């Protein structure tokens, strides 16, 4: 028997997607901290861009929107006041963390010494652990509570806050400051898709227009979803509906990525197939976009 679909508020979907983007960025930070010595100019580019994004968007837009949601939660469920106070304190602390890490990065880039590099590693690793724990608590405790308690007018106010400023990296338009970081992820997806091809997990299609890439990717994802039964009906509707609502290429790809993770909890085989569709769509769309400029 099919599980009844539950319509999640758009704000929760957006905030949860942003958490997934943050997870990708935190993984990349860890990789860069491990792979580089932080004693050459090129060692700092990606790390500086990621921390800059965290400070300019996560701290300035994502967290204040969550604060607005949590304030409304306390109004409707005062028992959550202590949890909300804790998360607000975390938001303020992490805003200070990213500002401090930016200064440490600037110092390390100038001095290029092991001592300065170690200061960056220590502060950044502490921040990564704190943000991961913070996100986990929000998604397991406060997000479900908000879904249960908040009224439609509450969600409308929260969604207006989210729409006030577009995500400069994962939004419809990639801002110039984050173009290097965006191309890094596009190139990494291209490499992964090539590796999967060599292992026989998927075939790459030769597409030219990004619109073709999106439409083909959505069609493939649709077929994959239908093969995995009624239990995935709700997620299918979210992906297909929002892919065609005019939010743009980045949003469409993010939805496919989100579904790839969702399917991965159901079956390893399905996870590999969904990830293949996502990486192939990203590769083809990104290549055509960059060639067209």
C-alpha atoms as a PDB file:
ATOM      1  CA  UNK A   1       0.000   0.000   0.000  1.00  0.00           C
ATOM      2  CA  UNK A   2       1.368   3.412  -0.965  1.00  0.00           C
ATOM      3  CA  UNK A   3       2.442   5.791   1.810  1.00  0.00           C
ATOM      4  CA  UNK A   4       0.309   8.996   1.704  1.00  0.00           C
ATOM      5  CA  UNK A   5       2.286  11.938   0.373  1.00  0.00           C
ATOM      6  CA  UNK A   6       2.996  14.788   2.780  1.00  0.00           C
ATOM      7  CA  UNK A   7       3.393  18.247   1.276  1.00  0.00           C
ATOM      8  CA  UNK A   8       6.337  19.915   2.984  1.00  0.00           C
ATOM      9  CA  UNK A   9       6.395  23.707   3.251  1.00  0.00           C
ATOM     10  CA  UNK A  10       8.527  25.273   0.517  1.00  0.00           C
ATOM     11  CA  UNK A  11      10.676  26.991   3.147  1.00  0.00           C
ATOM     12  CA  UNK A  12      11.564  23.658   4.749  1.00  0.00           C
ATOM     13  CA  UNK A  13      12.458  22.189   1.352  1.00  0.00           C
ATOM     14  CA  UNK A  14      14.700  25.178   0.583  1.00  0.00           C
ATOM     15  CA  UNK A  15      16.412  25.208   3.985  1.00  0.00           C
ATOM     16  CA  UNK A  16      16.964  21.444   3.805  1.00  0.00           C
ATOM     17  CA  UNK A  17      18.443  21.785   0.307  1.00  0.00           C
ATOM     18  CA  UNK A  18      20.774  24.480   1.622  1.00  0.00           C
ATOM     19  CA  UNK A  19      21.869  22.088   4.348  1.00  0.00           C
ATOM     20  CA  UNK A  20      22.826  19.597   1.652  1.00  0.00           C
ATOM     21  CA  UNK A  21      24.804  22.277  -0.156  1.00  0.00           C
ATOM     22  CA  UNK A  22      26.563  23.065   3.107  1.00  0.00           C
ATOM     23  CA  UNK A  23      27.392  19.385   3.510  1.00  0.00           C
ATOM     24  CA  UNK A  24      29.068  19.419   0.100  1.00  0.00           C
ATOM     25  CA  UNK A  25      31.026  22.547   0.996  1.00  0.00           C
ATOM     26  CA  UNK A  26      32.143  21.126   4.340  1.00  0.00           C
ATOM     27  CA  UNK A  27      33.360  17.940   2.651  1.00  0.00           C
ATOM     28  CA  UNK A  28      35.295  20.056   0.163  1.00  0.00           C
ATOM     29  CA  UNK A  29      36.821  22.108   2.961  1.00  0.00           C
ATOM     30  CA  UNK A  30      38.040  18.931   4.639  1.00  0.00           C
ATOM     31  CA  UNK A  31      39.485  17.644   1.381  1.00  0.00           C
ATOM     32  CA  UNK A  32      41.341  20.893   0.755  1.00  0.00           C
ATOM     33  CA  UNK A  33      42.707  21.072   4.289  1.00  0.00           C
ATOM     34  CA  UNK A  34      44.058  17.537   3.907  1.00  0.00           C
ATOM     35  CA  UNK A  35      45.333  17.771   0.331  1.00  0.00           C
ATOM     36  CA  UNK A  36      47.139  21.119   0.543  1.00  0.00           C
ATOM     37  CA  UNK A  37      49.973  22.417   2.697  1.00  0.00           C
ATOM     38  CA  UNK A  38      48.500  25.942   2.863  1.00  0.00           C
ATOM     39  CA  UNK A  39      51.924  27.363   2.062  1.00  0.00           C
ATOM     40  CA  UNK A  40      51.356  28.255  -1.615  1.00  0.00           C
ATOM     41  CA  UNK A  41      49.012  30.848  -3.112  1.00  0.00           C
ATOM     42  CA  UNK A  42      46.977  28.260  -5.034  1.00  0.00           C
ATOM     43  CA  UNK A  43      46.233  26.371  -1.798  1.00  0.00           C
ATOM     44  CA  UNK A  44      43.891  29.093  -0.581  1.00  0.00           C
ATOM     45  CA  UNK A  45      41.559  29.871  -3.481  1.00  0.00           C
ATOM     46  CA  UNK A  46      38.824  27.285  -2.902  1.00  0.00           C
ATOM     47  CA  UNK A  47      38.972  27.479   0.883  1.00  0.00           C
ATOM     48  CA  UNK A  48      38.690  31.273   0.825  1.00  0.00           C
ATOM     49  CA  UNK A  49      35.740  31.119  -1.566  1.00  0.00           C
ATOM     50  CA  UNK A  50      33.911  28.551   0.574  1.00  0.00           C
ATOM     51  CA  UNK A  51      34.439  30.436   3.839  1.00  0.00           C
ATOM     52  CA  UNK A  52      33.446  33.683   2.110  1.00  0.00           C
ATOM     53  CA  UNK A  53      30.188  32.043   0.967  1.00  0.00           C
ATOM     54  CA  UNK A  54      29.527  30.735   4.483  1.00  0.00           C
ATOM     55  CA  UNK A  55      29.994  34.228   5.920  1.00  0.00           C
ATOM     56  CA  UNK A  56      28.139  36.178   3.222  1.00  0.00           C
ATOM     57  CA  UNK A  57      25.192  33.852   2.604  1.00  0.00           C
ATOM     58  CA  UNK A  58      24.908  31.127   5.259  1.00  0.00           C
ATOM     59  CA  UNK A  59      25.486  33.529   8.161  1.00  0.00           C
ATOM     60  CA  UNK A  60      23.648  36.495   6.619  1.00  0.00           C
ATOM     61  CA  UNK A  61      20.623  34.814   4.968  1.00  0.00           C
ATOM     62  CA  UNK A  62      20.232  31.121   5.833  1.00  0.00           C
ATOM     63  CA  UNK A  63      20.674  31.406   9.597  1.00  0.00           C
ATOM     64  CA  UNK A  64      18.516  34.567  10.031  1.00  0.00           C
ATOM     65  CA  UNK A  65      15.736  32.828   8.107  1.00  0.00           C
ATOM     66  CA  UNK A  66      15.998  29.859  10.450  1.00  0.00           C
ATOM     67  CA  UNK A  67      15.892  32.289  13.402  1.00  0.00           C
ATOM     68  CA  UNK A  68      12.651  33.719  12.035  1.00  0.00           C
ATOM     69  CA  UNK A  69      11.190  30.225  11.741  1.00  0.00           C
ATOM     70  CA  UNK A  70      12.344  29.281  15.239  1.00  0.00           C
ATOM     71  CA  UNK A  71      10.883  32.475  16.739  1.00  0.00           C
ATOM     72  CA  UNK A  72       7.498  31.569  15.280  1.00  0.00           C
ATOM     73  CA  UNK A  73       7.919  28.045  16.616  1.00  0.00           C
ATOM     74  CA  UNK A  74       8.439  29.380  20.143  1.00  0.00           C
ATOM     75  CA  UNK A  75       5.324  31.538  19.798  1.00  0.00           C
ATOM     76  CA  UNK A  76       3.295  28.417  19.073  1.00  0.00           C
ATOM     77  CA  UNK A  77       5.236  25.992  21.283  1.00  0.00           C
ATOM     78  CA  UNK A  78       6.986  27.774  24.208  1.00  0.00           C
ATOM     79  CA  UNK A  79       8.482  24.469  25.359  1.00  0.00           C
ATOM     80  CA  UNK A  80      10.997  24.822  22.509  1.00  0.00           C
ATOM     81  CA  UNK A  81      12.374  28.129  23.813  1.00  0.00           C
ATOM     82  CA  UNK A  82      15.489  26.573  25.337  1.00  0.00           C
ATOM     83  CA  UNK A  83      16.388  24.719  22.132  1.00  0.00           C
ATOM     84  CA  UNK A  84      15.845  27.822  20.043  1.00  0.00           C
ATOM     85  CA  UNK A  85      18.009  29.917  22.364  1.00  0.00           C
ATOM     86  CA  UNK A  86      20.786  27.353  21.982  1.00  0.00           C
ATOM     87  CA  UNK A  87      20.565  27.422  18.176  1.00  0.00           C
ATOM     88  CA  UNK A  88      20.506  31.229  18.086  1.00  0.00           C
ATOM     89  CA  UNK A  89      23.660  31.253  20.200  1.00  0.00           C
ATOM     90  CA  UNK A  90      25.216  28.826  17.722  1.00  0.00           C
ATOM     91  CA  UNK A  91      24.291  31.063  14.785  1.00  0.00           C
ATOM     92  CA  UNK A  92      25.964  34.058  16.402  1.00  0.00           C
ATOM     93  CA  UNK A  93      29.044  32.035  17.285  1.00  0.00           C
ATOM     94  CA  UNK A  94      29.409  30.628  13.774  1.00  0.00           C
ATOM     95  CA  UNK A  95      29.132  34.113  12.285  1.00  0.00           C
ATOM     96  CA  UNK A  96      32.143  35.008  14.404  1.00  0.00           C
ATOM     97  CA  UNK A  97      33.876  31.765  13.418  1.00  0.00           C
ATOM     98  CA  UNK A  98      33.689  32.475   9.673  1.00  0.00           C
ATOM     99  CA  UNK A  99      34.901  36.052  10.152  1.00  0.00           C
ATOM    100  CA  UNK A 100      37.837  34.798  12.214  1.00  0.00           C
ATOM    101  CA  UNK A 101      38.709  32.048   9.720  1.00  0.00           C
ATOM    102  CA  UNK A 102      38.713  34.602   6.894  1.00  0.00           C
ATOM    103  CA  UNK A 103      41.282  36.659   8.797  1.00  0.00           C
ATOM    104  CA  UNK A 104      43.384  33.564   9.527  1.00  0.00           C
ATOM    105  CA  UNK A 105      43.272  32.649   5.830  1.00  0.00           C
ATOM    106  CA  UNK A 106      44.424  36.128   4.831  1.00  0.00           C
ATOM    107  CA  UNK A 107      47.294  35.923   7.311  1.00  0.00           C
ATOM    108  CA  UNK A 108      48.284  32.421   6.175  1.00  0.00           C
ATOM    109  CA  UNK A 109      48.170  33.459   2.505  1.00  0.00           C
ATOM    110  CA  UNK A 110      50.536  36.318   3.256  1.00  0.00           C
ATOM    111  CA  UNK A 111      52.968  34.509   5.543  1.00  0.00           C
ATOM    112  CA  UNK A 112      52.831  31.008   4.008  1.00  0.00           C
ATOM    113  CA  UNK A 113      54.229  29.409   7.168  1.00  0.00           C
ATOM    114  CA  UNK A 114      53.348  26.069   8.817  1.00  0.00           C
ATOM    115  CA  UNK A 115      52.274  27.887  11.995  1.00  0.00           C
ATOM    116  CA  UNK A 116      49.803  30.089  10.142  1.00  0.00           C
ATOM    117  CA  UNK A 117      48.526  27.058   8.193  1.00  0.00           C
ATOM    118  CA  UNK A 118      47.949  25.110  11.410  1.00  0.00           C
ATOM    119  CA  UNK A 119      45.922  27.988  12.853  1.00  0.00           C
ATOM    120  CA  UNK A 120      43.650  27.810   9.794  1.00  0.00           C
ATOM    121  CA  UNK A 121      43.272  24.035  10.089  1.00  0.00           C
ATOM    122  CA  UNK A 122      42.444  24.123  13.786  1.00  0.00           C
ATOM    123  CA  UNK A 123      39.816  26.859  13.490  1.00  0.00           C
ATOM    124  CA  UNK A 124      38.251  25.443  10.328  1.00  0.00           C
ATOM    125  CA  UNK A 125      38.008  21.864  11.591  1.00  0.00           C
ATOM    126  CA  UNK A 126      36.362  23.108  14.782  1.00  0.00           C
ATOM    127  CA  UNK A 127      33.869  25.089  12.709  1.00  0.00           C
ATOM    128  CA  UNK A 128      33.106  22.087  10.468  1.00  0.00           C
ATOM    129  CA  UNK A 129      32.316  19.897  13.474  1.00  0.00           C
ATOM    130  CA  UNK A 130      30.150  22.564  15.063  1.00  0.00           C
ATOM    131  CA  UNK A 131      28.120  23.250  11.898  1.00  0.00           C
ATOM    132  CA  UNK A 132      27.522  19.552  11.214  1.00  0.00           C
ATOM    133  CA  UNK A 133      26.252  18.958  14.748  1.00  0.00           C
ATOM    134  CA  UNK A 134      24.111  22.089  14.485  1.00  0.00           C
ATOM    135  CA  UNK A 135      22.492  20.993  11.204  1.00  0.00           C
ATOM    136  CA  UNK A 136      21.838  17.505  12.559  1.00  0.00           C
ATOM    137  CA  UNK A 137      19.965  18.914  15.577  1.00  0.00           C
ATOM    138  CA  UNK A 138      17.925  21.299  13.422  1.00  0.00           C
ATOM    139  CA  UNK A 139      16.827  18.582  11.016  1.00  0.00           C
ATOM    140  CA  UNK A 140      16.014  15.940  13.624  1.00  0.00           C
ATOM    141  CA  UNK A 141      14.402  18.175  16.256  1.00  0.00           C
ATOM    142  CA  UNK A 142      13.435  21.704  15.215  1.00  0.00           C
ATOM    143  CA  UNK A 143      12.435  21.285  11.579  1.00  0.00           C
ATOM    144  CA  UNK A 144       9.898  18.524  12.385  1.00  0.00           C
ATOM    145  CA  UNK A 145       8.547  20.616  15.274  1.00  0.00           C
ATOM    146  CA  UNK A 146       8.097  23.618  12.980  1.00  0.00           C
ATOM    147  CA  UNK A 147       6.309  21.513  10.370  1.00  0.00           C
ATOM    148  CA  UNK A 148       3.906  20.322  13.051  1.00  0.00           C
ATOM    149  CA  UNK A 149       3.215  23.697  14.709  1.00  0.00           C
ATOM    150  CA  UNK A 150       3.495  26.556  12.210  1.00  0.00           C
ATOM    151  CA  UNK A 151       0.525  27.938  10.293  1.00  0.00           C
ATOM    152  CA  UNK A 152       0.381  28.835   6.598  1.00  0.00           C
ATOM    153  CA  UNK A 153       0.807  32.551   7.330  1.00  0.00           C
ATOM    154  CA  UNK A 154       3.996  31.743   9.273  1.00  0.00           C
ATOM    155  CA  UNK A 155       5.450  29.866   6.326  1.00  0.00           C
ATOM    156  CA  UNK A 156       4.512  32.692   3.989  1.00  0.00           C
ATOM    157  CA  UNK A 157       6.544  35.163   6.061  1.00  0.00           C
ATOM    158  CA  UNK A 158       9.514  32.805   6.156  1.00  0.00           C
ATOM    159  CA  UNK A 159       9.389  32.227   2.407  1.00  0.00           C
ATOM    160  CA  UNK A 160       9.404  35.970   1.763  1.00  0.00           C
ATOM    161  CA  UNK A 161      12.622  36.172   3.788  1.00  0.00           C
ATOM    162  CA  UNK A 162      14.208  33.421   1.698  1.00  0.00           C
ATOM    163  CA  UNK A 163      13.183  35.078  -1.552  1.00  0.00           C
ATOM    164  CA  UNK A 164      14.615  38.462  -0.539  1.00  0.00           C
ATOM    165  CA  UNK A 165      18.117  37.438  -1.582  1.00  0.00           C
ATOM    166  CA  UNK A 166      19.151  34.746  -4.049  1.00  0.00           C
ATOM    167  CA  UNK A 167      21.798  32.190  -3.231  1.00  0.00           C
ATOM    168  CA  UNK A 168      24.948  33.508  -5.010  1.00  0.00           C
ATOM    169  CA  UNK A 169      26.400  30.032  -5.629  1.00  0.00           C
ATOM    170  CA  UNK A 170      23.530  27.520  -5.790  1.00  0.00           C
ATOM    171  CA  UNK A 171      20.820  29.929  -6.917  1.00  0.00           C
ATOM    172  CA  UNK A 172      19.571  30.629 -10.462  1.00  0.00           C
ATOM    173  CA  UNK A 173      22.580  32.859 -11.240  1.00  0.00           C
ATOM    174  CA  UNK A 174      26.141  32.179 -10.122  1.00  0.00           C
ATOM    175  CA  UNK A 175      27.750  35.430  -9.017  1.00  0.00           C
ATOM    176  CA  UNK A 176      31.184  36.310 -10.331  1.00  0.00           C
ATOM    177  CA  UNK A 177      32.846  35.899  -6.913  1.00  0.00           C
ATOM    178  CA  UNK A 178      31.864  32.227  -6.873  1.00  0.00           C
ATOM    179  CA  UNK A 179      32.488  31.286 -10.491  1.00  0.00           C
ATOM    180  CA  UNK A 180      35.771  29.474  -9.718  1.00  0.00           C
ATOM    181  CA  UNK A 181      34.071  27.448  -7.000  1.00  0.00           C
ATOM    182  CA  UNK A 182      31.130  26.598  -9.275  1.00  0.00           C
ATOM    183  CA  UNK A 183      33.470  25.464 -12.054  1.00  0.00           C
ATOM    184  CA  UNK A 184      35.382  23.347  -9.539  1.00  0.00           C
ATOM    185  CA  UNK A 185      32.210  21.409  -8.703  1.00  0.00           C
ATOM    186  CA  UNK A 186      31.245  21.157 -12.378  1.00  0.00           C
ATOM    187  CA  UNK A 187      34.686  19.752 -13.240  1.00  0.00           C
ATOM    188  CA  UNK A 188      34.550  17.330 -10.333  1.00  0.00           C
ATOM    189  CA  UNK A 189      31.169  16.072 -11.494  1.00  0.00           C
ATOM    190  CA  UNK A 190      32.621  15.647 -14.982  1.00  0.00           C
ATOM    191  CA  UNK A 191      35.511  13.576 -13.613  1.00  0.00           C
ATOM    192  CA  UNK A 192      33.154  11.413 -11.564  1.00  0.00           C
ATOM    193  CA  UNK A 193      30.912  10.805 -14.546  1.00  0.00           C
ATOM    194  CA  UNK A 194      33.935   9.768 -16.630  1.00  0.00           C
ATOM    195  CA  UNK A 195      35.028   7.356 -13.905  1.00  0.00           C
ATOM    196  CA  UNK A 196      31.544   5.868 -13.766  1.00  0.00           C
ATOM    197  CA  UNK A 197      31.613   5.473 -17.537  1.00  0.00           C
ATOM    198  CA  UNK A 198      34.911   3.583 -17.374  1.00  0.00           C
ATOM    199  CA  UNK A 199      33.378   1.219 -14.828  1.00  0.00           C
ATOM    200  CA  UNK A 200      30.324   0.690 -16.997  1.00  0.00           C
ATOM    201  CA  UNK A 201      27.776   2.335 -14.686  1.00  0.00           C
ATOM    202  CA  UNK A 202      26.389   4.722 -17.302  1.00  0.00           C
ATOM    203  CA  UNK A 203      26.740   6.034 -20.859  1.00  0.00           C
ATOM    204  CA  UNK A 204      27.454   9.702 -21.500  1.00  0.00           C
ATOM    205  CA  UNK A 205      25.272  11.420 -24.096  1.00  0.00           C
ATOM    206  CA  UNK A 206      26.581  14.107 -26.422  1.00  0.00           C
ATOM    207  CA  UNK A 207      24.286  17.056 -25.722  1.00  0.00           C
ATOM    208  CA  UNK A 208      24.816  20.623 -26.883  1.00  0.00           C
ATOM    209  CA  UNK A 209      22.124  22.834 -25.312  1.00  0.00           C
ATOM    210  CA  UNK A 210      21.725  23.051 -21.543  1.00  0.00           C
ATOM    211  CA  UNK A 211      17.929  22.880 -21.988  1.00  0.00           C
ATOM    212  CA  UNK A 212      18.352  19.505 -23.684  1.00  0.00           C
ATOM    213  CA  UNK A 213      20.536  18.376 -20.812  1.00  0.00           C
ATOM    214  CA  UNK A 214      17.922  19.357 -18.239  1.00  0.00           C
ATOM    215  CA  UNK A 215      15.012  17.787 -20.098  1.00  0.00           C
ATOM    216  CA  UNK A 216      16.899  14.561 -20.732  1.00  0.00           C
ATOM    217  CA  UNK A 217      18.081  14.382 -17.127  1.00  0.00           C
ATOM    218  CA  UNK A 218      14.557  14.897 -15.809  1.00  0.00           C
ATOM    219  CA  UNK A 219      13.208  12.225 -18.153  1.00  0.00           C
ATOM    220  CA  UNK A 220      15.840   9.733 -17.010  1.00  0.00           C
ATOM    221  CA  UNK A 221      15.162  10.537 -13.367  1.00  0.00           C
ATOM    222  CA  UNK A 222      11.438  10.083 -13.953  1.00  0.00           C
ATOM    223  CA  UNK A 223      11.982   6.612 -15.399  1.00  0.00           C
ATOM    224  CA  UNK A 224      14.225   5.694 -12.490  1.00  0.00           C
ATOM    225  CA  UNK A 225      11.689   6.873  -9.923  1.00  0.00           C
ATOM    226  CA  UNK A 226       8.845   4.925 -11.473  1.00  0.00           C
ATOM    227  CA  UNK A 227      10.897   1.731 -11.385  1.00  0.00           C
ATOM    228  CA  UNK A 228      11.214   1.993  -7.631  1.00  0.00           C
ATOM    229  CA  UNK A 229       7.544   1.925  -6.754  1.00  0.00           C
ATOM    230  CA  UNK A 230       4.889   3.701  -4.794  1.00  0.00           C
ATOM    231  CA  UNK A 231       7.071   4.435  -1.773  1.00  0.00           C
ATOM    232  CA  UNK A 232       8.859   7.117  -3.820  1.00  0.00           C
ATOM    233  CA  UNK A 233       5.716   8.822  -5.154  1.00  0.00           C
ATOM    234  CA  UNK A 234       5.985  11.951  -3.045  1.00  0.00           C
ATOM    235  CA  UNK A 235       9.638  12.579  -3.875  1.00  0.00           C
ATOM    236  CA  UNK A 236       8.869  12.060  -7.550  1.00  0.00           C
ATOM    237  CA  UNK A 237       6.230  14.774  -7.440  1.00  0.00           C
ATOM    238  CA  UNK A 238       8.572  17.222  -5.712  1.00  0.00           C
ATOM    239  CA  UNK A 239      11.326  16.677  -8.271  1.00  0.00           C
ATOM    240  CA  UNK A 240       9.174  16.873 -11.379  1.00  0.00           C
ATOM    241  CA  UNK A 241       6.957  19.770 -10.269  1.00  0.00           C
ATOM    242  CA  UNK A 242       9.793  21.994  -9.129  1.00  0.00           C
ATOM    243  CA  UNK A 243      11.992  21.142 -12.100  1.00  0.00           C
ATOM    244  CA  UNK A 244       9.493  22.861 -14.357  1.00  0.00           C
ATOM    245  CA  UNK A 245       8.545  25.859 -12.170  1.00  0.00           C
ATOM    246  CA  UNK A 246      11.060  28.255 -13.718  1.00  0.00           C
ATOM    247  CA  UNK A 247      13.577  28.310 -10.878  1.00  0.00           C
ATOM    248  CA  UNK A 248      16.486  27.720 -13.235  1.00  0.00           C
ATOM    249  CA  UNK A 249      19.245  25.253 -13.985  1.00  0.00           C
ATOM    250  CA  UNK A 250      20.911  25.220 -10.560  1.00  0.00           C
ATOM    251  CA  UNK A 251      17.651  24.540  -8.750  1.00  0.00           C
ATOM    252  CA  UNK A 252      16.795  21.709 -11.152  1.00  0.00           C
ATOM    253  CA  UNK A 253      20.191  20.088 -10.606  1.00  0.00           C
ATOM    254  CA  UNK A 254      19.868  20.514  -6.853  1.00  0.00           C
ATOM    255  CA  UNK A 255      16.530  18.683  -6.923  1.00  0.00           C
ATOM    256  CA  UNK A 256      18.108  15.809  -8.843  1.00  0.00           C
ATOM    257  CA  UNK A 257      20.986  15.692  -6.372  1.00  0.00           C
ATOM    258  CA  UNK A 258      18.527  15.657  -3.475  1.00  0.00           C
ATOM    259  CA  UNK A 259      16.672  12.766  -5.032  1.00  0.00           C
ATOM    260  CA  UNK A 260      19.918  10.881  -5.635  1.00  0.00           C
ATOM    261  CA  UNK A 261      20.539  10.984  -1.893  1.00  0.00           C
ATOM    262  CA  UNK A 262      16.938  10.011  -1.103  1.00  0.00           C
ATOM    263  CA  UNK A 263      17.006   6.991  -3.393  1.00  0.00           C
ATOM    264  CA  UNK A 264      20.342   5.969  -1.908  1.00  0.00           C
ATOM    265  CA  UNK A 265      18.561   5.165   1.339  1.00  0.00           C
ATOM    266  CA  UNK A 266      16.312   2.725  -0.532  1.00  0.00           C
ATOM    267  CA  UNK A 267      18.749   0.763  -2.678  1.00  0.00           C
ATOM    268  CA  UNK A 268      22.452   0.912  -3.554  1.00  0.00           C
ATOM    269  CA  UNK A 269      21.722   0.191  -7.186  1.00  0.00           C
ATOM    270  CA  UNK A 270      19.171   2.992  -7.440  1.00  0.00           C
ATOM    271  CA  UNK A 271      21.586   5.392  -5.734  1.00  0.00           C
ATOM    272  CA  UNK A 272      24.250   4.730  -8.340  1.00  0.00           C
ATOM    273  CA  UNK A 273      21.788   5.215 -11.176  1.00  0.00           C
ATOM    274  CA  UNK A 274      20.391   8.458  -9.765  1.00  0.00           C
ATOM    275  CA  UNK A 275      23.858   9.857  -9.098  1.00  0.00           C
ATOM    276  CA  UNK A 276      24.810   8.997 -12.661  1.00  0.00           C
ATOM    277  CA  UNK A 277      21.857  10.939 -14.041  1.00  0.00           C
ATOM    278  CA  UNK A 278      22.685  13.924 -11.856  1.00  0.00           C
ATOM    279  CA  UNK A 279      26.368  14.041 -12.777  1.00  0.00           C
ATOM    280  CA  UNK A 280      25.642  13.583 -16.465  1.00  0.00           C
ATOM    281  CA  UNK A 281      23.064  16.383 -16.455  1.00  0.00           C
ATOM    282  CA  UNK A 282      25.418  18.718 -14.587  1.00  0.00           C
ATOM    283  CA  UNK A 283      28.276  17.948 -16.962  1.00  0.00           C
ATOM    284  CA  UNK A 284      26.327  18.532 -20.144  1.00  0.00           C
ATOM    285  CA  UNK A 285      24.569  21.655 -18.901  1.00  0.00           C
ATOM    286  CA  UNK A 286      27.722  23.204 -17.460  1.00  0.00           C
ATOM    287  CA  UNK A 287      29.767  22.563 -20.609  1.00  0.00           C
ATOM    288  CA  UNK A 288      27.173  24.202 -22.847  1.00  0.00           C
ATOM    289  CA  UNK A 289      26.778  27.177 -20.521  1.00  0.00           C
ATOM    290  CA  UNK A 290      30.497  27.863 -20.347  1.00  0.00           C
ATOM    291  CA  UNK A 291      30.904  27.517 -24.136  1.00  0.00           C
ATOM    292  CA  UNK A 292      28.046  29.933 -24.723  1.00  0.00           C
ATOM    293  CA  UNK A 293      29.634  32.810 -22.821  1.00  0.00           C
END
